[in-house]
Amino acid sequence: MGGAVARRIAANSDFAVTVYDPSPAAVEKCVEAGATGADSLEAAVTGAEVVLTSLPTVPLVLDTIRQILPKTGEDTVIVDISTIDPQSAHTVLDLCTESRRPFVACPLGKTPAHAEIGQIPLFVGGAPDVVAKIEPLLDWMGEKTYNFGTVEAATAFKLVSNFIGMANVAILAEGLAVALKAGISPDAFAEALADTGARSFQSDLRLPWMLEQDWTSRFGVDLAVKDVGLAVASALSWRIPVPVGSAALAQLISASTRGYGREDVVSMLKLIQPDAEEQR
């Protein structure tokens, strides 16, 4: 997602974009879009007005923020677009506050393909004056910004969104398996479902991939395990029971342990239809 955002800004705006990633191939893709590649984290953030971090795990977010804070100026706005939990977002805010750096949490919705063309929602939390300062950048990143006020609220919403979305994918896979067993053709199932209350963003986006048995990762199982796990942990810390979401998490974990971790979450279908891989 970070690469898609960087390419979007570099190719379509007047902002000068410098990128760093441990993967040279990831950096090169952004350079091809108009960004400047950096050979170190320090080189990427030195002199930047805004630093965007996009990382796959909470420990990496915290470690990276600690590394970059001493390398930035006091006016540098730190913006994390990763998916993290509210407690960790508060920790990042504390780290930035201690270093006198403004911080904005800005997790993103939809997929990297949507981010590449700026068709994503942004879920923002931070001080109003800081959010206003980076508004021109946000306008280039996505098509709509939802301001949730605090970094905790913004990150919590992203977890809730993924939590609901992945539960939807899990039940979509089960429903498809039942429909096919009943003799309903894949085309008939897709067409009729789209005309019912069961239609959703996930059915519009991922049902065609399920029907084609296309497991190519757009949002991988292991990333979903991380995100939904954070959502469940946050809910339980607030003593909110989430049995349906917990069941979706169990399915994702099962898919990961079966070796589907790097595949798209639609591979949960293979838990229900073990012969799906052979039928492809």
Protein backbone atom coordinates (compact mmCIF):
# COMPACT_ATOMS: atom_id res chain seq x y z
CA MET A 1 0.00 0.00 0.00
CA GLY A 2 2.86 2.37 0.77
CA GLY A 3 4.39 1.86 -2.65
CA ALA A 4 1.08 2.52 -4.36
CA VAL A 5 0.63 5.77 -2.43
CA ALA A 6 4.19 6.89 -3.21
CA ARG A 7 3.73 6.20 -6.91
CA ARG A 8 0.38 8.00 -6.93
CA ILE A 9 1.89 11.15 -5.41
CA ALA A 10 5.11 11.04 -7.44
CA ALA A 11 3.37 10.57 -10.77
CA ASN A 12 0.43 12.92 -10.36
CA SER A 13 1.36 15.80 -8.07
CA ASP A 14 3.96 18.54 -7.67
CA PHE A 15 5.28 17.03 -4.44
CA ALA A 16 8.89 15.84 -4.49
CA VAL A 17 8.80 12.24 -3.24
CA THR A 18 11.77 10.34 -1.80
CA VAL A 19 11.30 6.66 -1.00
CA TYR A 20 13.10 4.00 0.97
CA ASP A 21 12.35 0.31 1.35
CA PRO A 22 14.59 -2.64 2.26
CA SER A 23 13.58 -4.12 -1.12
CA PRO A 24 15.45 -2.46 -4.01
CA ALA A 25 12.73 -3.68 -6.40
CA ALA A 26 10.07 -1.82 -4.42
CA VAL A 27 12.15 1.37 -4.54
CA GLU A 28 12.75 0.97 -8.28
CA LYS A 29 9.03 0.73 -9.03
CA CYS A 30 8.54 4.08 -7.29
CA VAL A 31 11.52 5.63 -9.07
CA GLU A 32 9.96 4.59 -12.39
CA ALA A 33 6.86 6.57 -11.36
CA GLY A 34 8.90 9.71 -10.69
CA ALA A 35 10.11 9.33 -7.10
CA THR A 36 13.72 9.65 -5.95
CA GLY A 37 15.20 6.54 -4.38
CA ALA A 38 17.14 6.69 -1.11
CA ASP A 39 19.71 4.12 -0.02
CA SER A 40 18.89 4.44 3.69
CA LEU A 41 16.09 5.39 6.02
CA GLU A 42 18.06 8.40 7.23
CA ALA A 43 18.62 9.66 3.69
CA ALA A 44 14.92 9.31 2.91
CA VAL A 45 13.68 11.42 5.82
CA THR A 46 16.40 14.06 6.16
CA GLY A 47 15.00 17.45 5.18
CA ALA A 48 11.47 16.13 4.58
CA GLU A 49 8.45 18.28 5.36
CA VAL A 50 6.25 15.20 5.72
CA VAL A 51 7.31 11.61 6.41
CA LEU A 52 4.88 8.81 5.54
CA THR A 53 5.46 5.40 7.10
CA SER A 54 3.75 2.27 5.79
CA LEU A 55 4.78 -0.94 7.52
CA PRO A 56 3.33 -4.44 7.95
CA THR A 57 3.61 -4.91 11.72
CA VAL A 58 3.26 -2.88 14.90
CA PRO A 59 6.84 -3.57 16.13
CA LEU A 60 8.20 -2.31 12.79
CA VAL A 61 6.13 0.87 13.08
CA LEU A 62 7.39 1.59 16.59
CA ASP A 63 11.01 0.77 15.71
CA THR A 64 10.93 2.87 12.54
CA ILE A 65 9.38 5.88 14.28
CA ARG A 66 12.10 5.72 16.96
CA GLN A 67 14.75 5.65 14.22
CA ILE A 68 13.44 8.55 12.17
CA LEU A 69 12.54 11.03 14.91
CA PRO A 70 16.15 12.14 15.57
CA LYS A 71 16.71 12.54 11.81
CA THR A 72 13.81 14.95 11.20
CA GLY A 73 13.22 18.62 11.91
CA GLU A 74 10.74 19.92 14.47
CA ASP A 75 8.37 21.04 11.70
CA THR A 76 8.38 17.62 10.03
CA VAL A 77 4.94 16.00 10.18
CA ILE A 78 5.05 12.26 10.83
CA VAL A 79 2.15 10.45 9.16
CA ASP A 80 1.68 6.72 9.67
CA ILE A 81 -0.57 5.01 7.12
CA SER A 82 -0.04 1.51 8.54
CA THR A 83 -2.79 -0.55 10.13
CA ILE A 84 -2.06 -0.58 13.87
CA ASP A 85 -4.04 -0.76 17.08
CA PRO A 86 -5.19 2.31 19.05
CA GLN A 87 -2.85 1.60 21.98
CA SER A 88 0.17 1.52 19.67
CA ALA A 89 -1.01 4.66 17.89
CA HIS A 90 -1.05 6.40 21.27
CA THR A 91 2.49 5.17 21.89
CA VAL A 92 3.60 6.66 18.56
CA LEU A 93 1.89 9.93 19.48
CA ASP A 94 3.75 9.98 22.80
CA LEU A 95 7.09 9.33 21.05
CA CYS A 96 6.45 12.14 18.59
CA THR A 97 5.25 14.52 21.31
CA GLU A 98 8.38 13.84 23.37
CA SER A 99 10.48 14.73 20.31
CA ARG A 100 8.28 17.75 19.53
CA ARG A 101 7.18 16.31 16.22
CA PRO A 102 3.54 16.55 15.05
CA PHE A 103 1.93 13.17 14.35
CA VAL A 104 -1.09 12.16 12.27
CA ALA A 105 -2.52 8.65 12.05
CA CYS A 106 -3.89 8.05 8.56
CA PRO A 107 -4.76 4.41 7.84
CA LEU A 108 -6.22 3.78 4.41
CA GLY A 109 -9.17 1.87 2.99
CA LYS A 110 -9.63 -0.44 -0.01
CA THR A 111 -6.72 -1.97 -1.94
CA PRO A 112 -3.31 -0.99 -3.39
CA ALA A 113 -4.90 -0.96 -6.85
CA HIS A 114 -7.36 1.69 -5.62
CA ALA A 115 -4.51 3.61 -3.94
CA GLU A 116 -2.57 3.66 -7.20
CA ILE A 117 -5.30 5.80 -8.77
CA GLY A 118 -6.27 7.78 -5.68
CA GLN A 119 -9.62 6.07 -5.16
CA ILE A 120 -9.24 5.32 -1.46
CA PRO A 121 -10.75 6.69 1.74
CA LEU A 122 -8.39 8.11 4.36
CA PHE A 123 -9.14 7.71 8.07
CA VAL A 124 -7.39 10.56 9.84
CA GLY A 125 -6.67 11.42 13.46
CA GLY A 126 -4.48 14.19 14.82
CA ALA A 127 -4.35 17.80 15.94
CA PRO A 128 -6.66 19.92 13.74
CA ASP A 129 -3.93 22.39 12.74
CA VAL A 130 -1.56 19.59 11.73
CA VAL A 131 -4.23 17.80 9.70
CA ALA A 132 -5.05 21.10 7.98
CA LYS A 133 -1.37 21.61 7.17
CA ILE A 134 -1.13 18.34 5.23
CA GLU A 135 -4.58 18.56 3.64
CA PRO A 136 -3.18 19.23 0.13
CA LEU A 137 -1.21 15.99 0.38
CA LEU A 138 -4.21 14.07 1.65
CA ASP A 139 -6.25 15.35 -1.27
CA TRP A 140 -3.75 13.76 -3.66
CA MET A 141 -3.61 10.50 -1.74
CA GLY A 142 -7.31 9.68 -1.74
CA GLU A 143 -10.77 10.74 -2.80
CA LYS A 144 -12.24 11.37 0.65
CA THR A 145 -10.85 12.07 4.11
CA TYR A 146 -12.76 11.03 7.22
CA ASN A 147 -11.51 12.93 10.24
CA PHE A 148 -11.99 10.92 13.43
CA GLY A 149 -10.28 13.46 15.67
CA THR A 150 -7.82 11.34 17.62
CA VAL A 151 -5.15 8.89 16.49
CA GLU A 152 -6.82 6.21 18.58
CA ALA A 153 -10.19 6.65 16.88
CA ALA A 154 -8.70 6.71 13.38
CA THR A 155 -6.72 3.50 13.88
CA ALA A 156 -9.62 1.80 15.64
CA PHE A 157 -11.90 2.53 12.71
CA LYS A 158 -9.46 0.94 10.25
CA LEU A 159 -9.35 -2.20 12.40
CA VAL A 160 -13.15 -2.27 12.58
CA SER A 161 -13.37 -1.88 8.80
CA ASN A 162 -10.97 -4.77 8.15
CA PHE A 163 -12.61 -6.80 10.92
CA ILE A 164 -16.03 -6.52 9.26
CA GLY A 165 -14.61 -6.95 5.77
CA MET A 166 -12.73 -10.15 6.55
CA ALA A 167 -15.72 -11.64 8.38
CA ASN A 168 -17.66 -10.87 5.22
CA VAL A 169 -15.11 -12.71 3.06
CA ALA A 170 -15.29 -15.74 5.38
CA ILE A 171 -19.09 -15.98 5.16
CA LEU A 172 -18.98 -15.26 1.42
CA ALA A 173 -16.76 -18.31 0.93
CA GLU A 174 -19.14 -20.45 2.99
CA GLY A 175 -22.19 -19.19 1.13
CA LEU A 176 -20.58 -19.86 -2.24
CA ALA A 177 -19.69 -23.41 -1.23
CA VAL A 178 -23.27 -24.10 -0.10
CA ALA A 179 -24.73 -22.61 -3.29
CA LEU A 180 -22.48 -24.67 -5.56
CA LYS A 181 -23.30 -27.83 -3.61
CA ALA A 182 -26.99 -27.08 -4.14
CA GLY A 183 -26.42 -27.03 -7.89
CA ILE A 184 -26.51 -23.28 -8.40
CA SER A 185 -24.20 -22.18 -11.20
CA PRO A 186 -21.42 -19.71 -10.32
CA ASP A 187 -22.80 -17.11 -12.73
CA ALA A 188 -26.33 -17.41 -11.36
CA PHE A 189 -25.04 -17.14 -7.80
CA ALA A 190 -23.03 -13.99 -8.53
CA GLU A 191 -25.83 -12.28 -10.47
CA ALA A 192 -28.57 -13.03 -7.95
CA LEU A 193 -26.42 -12.22 -4.91
CA ALA A 194 -25.72 -8.76 -6.33
CA ASP A 195 -29.48 -8.11 -6.21
CA THR A 196 -29.86 -8.93 -2.51
CA GLY A 197 -28.95 -7.55 0.88
CA ALA A 198 -25.94 -9.87 0.90
CA ARG A 199 -24.17 -7.73 -1.68
CA SER A 200 -21.10 -5.93 -0.32
CA PHE A 201 -17.82 -4.34 -1.37
CA GLN A 202 -16.17 -7.71 -0.74
CA SER A 203 -18.65 -9.64 -2.88
CA ASP A 204 -18.24 -7.10 -5.70
CA LEU A 205 -14.46 -7.22 -5.44
CA ARG A 206 -13.57 -10.72 -4.35
CA LEU A 207 -16.37 -13.01 -5.50
CA PRO A 208 -15.06 -12.97 -9.10
CA TRP A 209 -11.65 -14.04 -7.78
CA MET A 210 -13.26 -16.85 -5.79
CA LEU A 211 -15.16 -18.04 -8.85
CA GLU A 212 -11.97 -17.93 -10.94
CA GLN A 213 -10.04 -19.54 -8.08
CA ASP A 214 -7.52 -16.74 -8.38
CA TRP A 215 -5.51 -16.75 -5.16
CA THR A 216 -3.16 -13.90 -6.20
CA SER A 217 -2.58 -11.74 -3.14
CA ARG A 218 -4.17 -8.30 -3.09
CA PHE A 219 -4.67 -8.50 0.67
CA GLY A 220 -2.84 -11.51 2.02
CA VAL A 221 -4.03 -13.97 4.64
CA ASP A 222 -1.12 -13.24 6.99
CA LEU A 223 -1.76 -9.49 6.88
CA ALA A 224 -5.44 -10.14 7.57
CA VAL A 225 -4.51 -12.35 10.53
CA LYS A 226 -2.51 -9.44 11.91
CA ASP A 227 -5.24 -6.85 11.37
CA VAL A 228 -8.18 -8.93 12.57
CA GLY A 229 -6.08 -10.17 15.49
CA LEU A 230 -5.45 -6.58 16.55
CA ALA A 231 -9.17 -5.82 16.24
CA VAL A 232 -10.15 -8.81 18.37
CA ALA A 233 -7.48 -8.01 20.96
CA SER A 234 -8.66 -4.40 21.19
CA ALA A 235 -12.29 -5.48 21.56
CA LEU A 236 -11.42 -7.94 24.31
CA SER A 237 -9.31 -5.34 26.12
CA TRP A 238 -12.49 -3.24 26.28
CA ARG A 239 -14.52 -6.31 27.35
CA ILE A 240 -16.58 -6.33 24.16
CA PRO A 241 -17.45 -9.88 23.04
CA VAL A 242 -16.81 -10.45 19.32
CA PRO A 243 -17.69 -14.12 18.62
CA VAL A 244 -18.38 -13.66 14.89
CA GLY A 245 -15.18 -11.74 14.26
CA SER A 246 -13.26 -14.26 16.36
CA ALA A 247 -14.59 -17.05 14.15
CA ALA A 248 -13.37 -15.17 11.07
CA LEU A 249 -9.97 -14.83 12.71
CA ALA A 250 -9.92 -18.57 13.35
CA GLN A 251 -10.58 -19.21 9.65
CA LEU A 252 -7.78 -16.86 8.66
CA ILE A 253 -5.38 -18.54 11.06
CA SER A 254 -6.40 -21.93 9.69
CA ALA A 255 -5.73 -20.71 6.13
CA SER A 256 -2.33 -19.46 7.21
CA THR A 257 -1.38 -22.73 8.88
CA ARG A 258 -2.42 -24.57 5.70
CA GLY A 259 0.22 -22.60 3.82
CA TYR A 260 -2.00 -19.93 2.25
CA GLY A 261 -0.50 -17.01 4.18
CA ARG A 262 0.89 -15.21 1.13
CA GLU A 263 -2.28 -15.75 -0.91
CA ASP A 264 -5.30 -13.46 -0.98
CA VAL A 265 -7.89 -13.90 1.76
CA VAL A 266 -10.20 -15.53 -0.83
CA SER A 267 -8.12 -18.67 -0.25
CA MET A 268 -10.35 -19.26 2.79
CA LEU A 269 -12.57 -20.94 0.20
CA LYS A 270 -10.03 -23.78 0.06
CA LEU A 271 -10.75 -24.56 3.72
CA ILE A 272 -14.33 -25.38 2.73
CA GLN A 273 -13.65 -26.81 -0.72
CA PRO A 274 -10.35 -28.70 -0.35
CA ASP A 275 -10.41 -29.63 -4.04
CA ALA A 276 -10.59 -26.01 -5.19
CA GLU A 277 -6.85 -25.90 -5.91
CA GLU A 278 -7.03 -29.02 -8.06
CA GLN A 279 -10.10 -27.76 -9.92
CA ARG A 280 -8.38 -24.56 -11.01
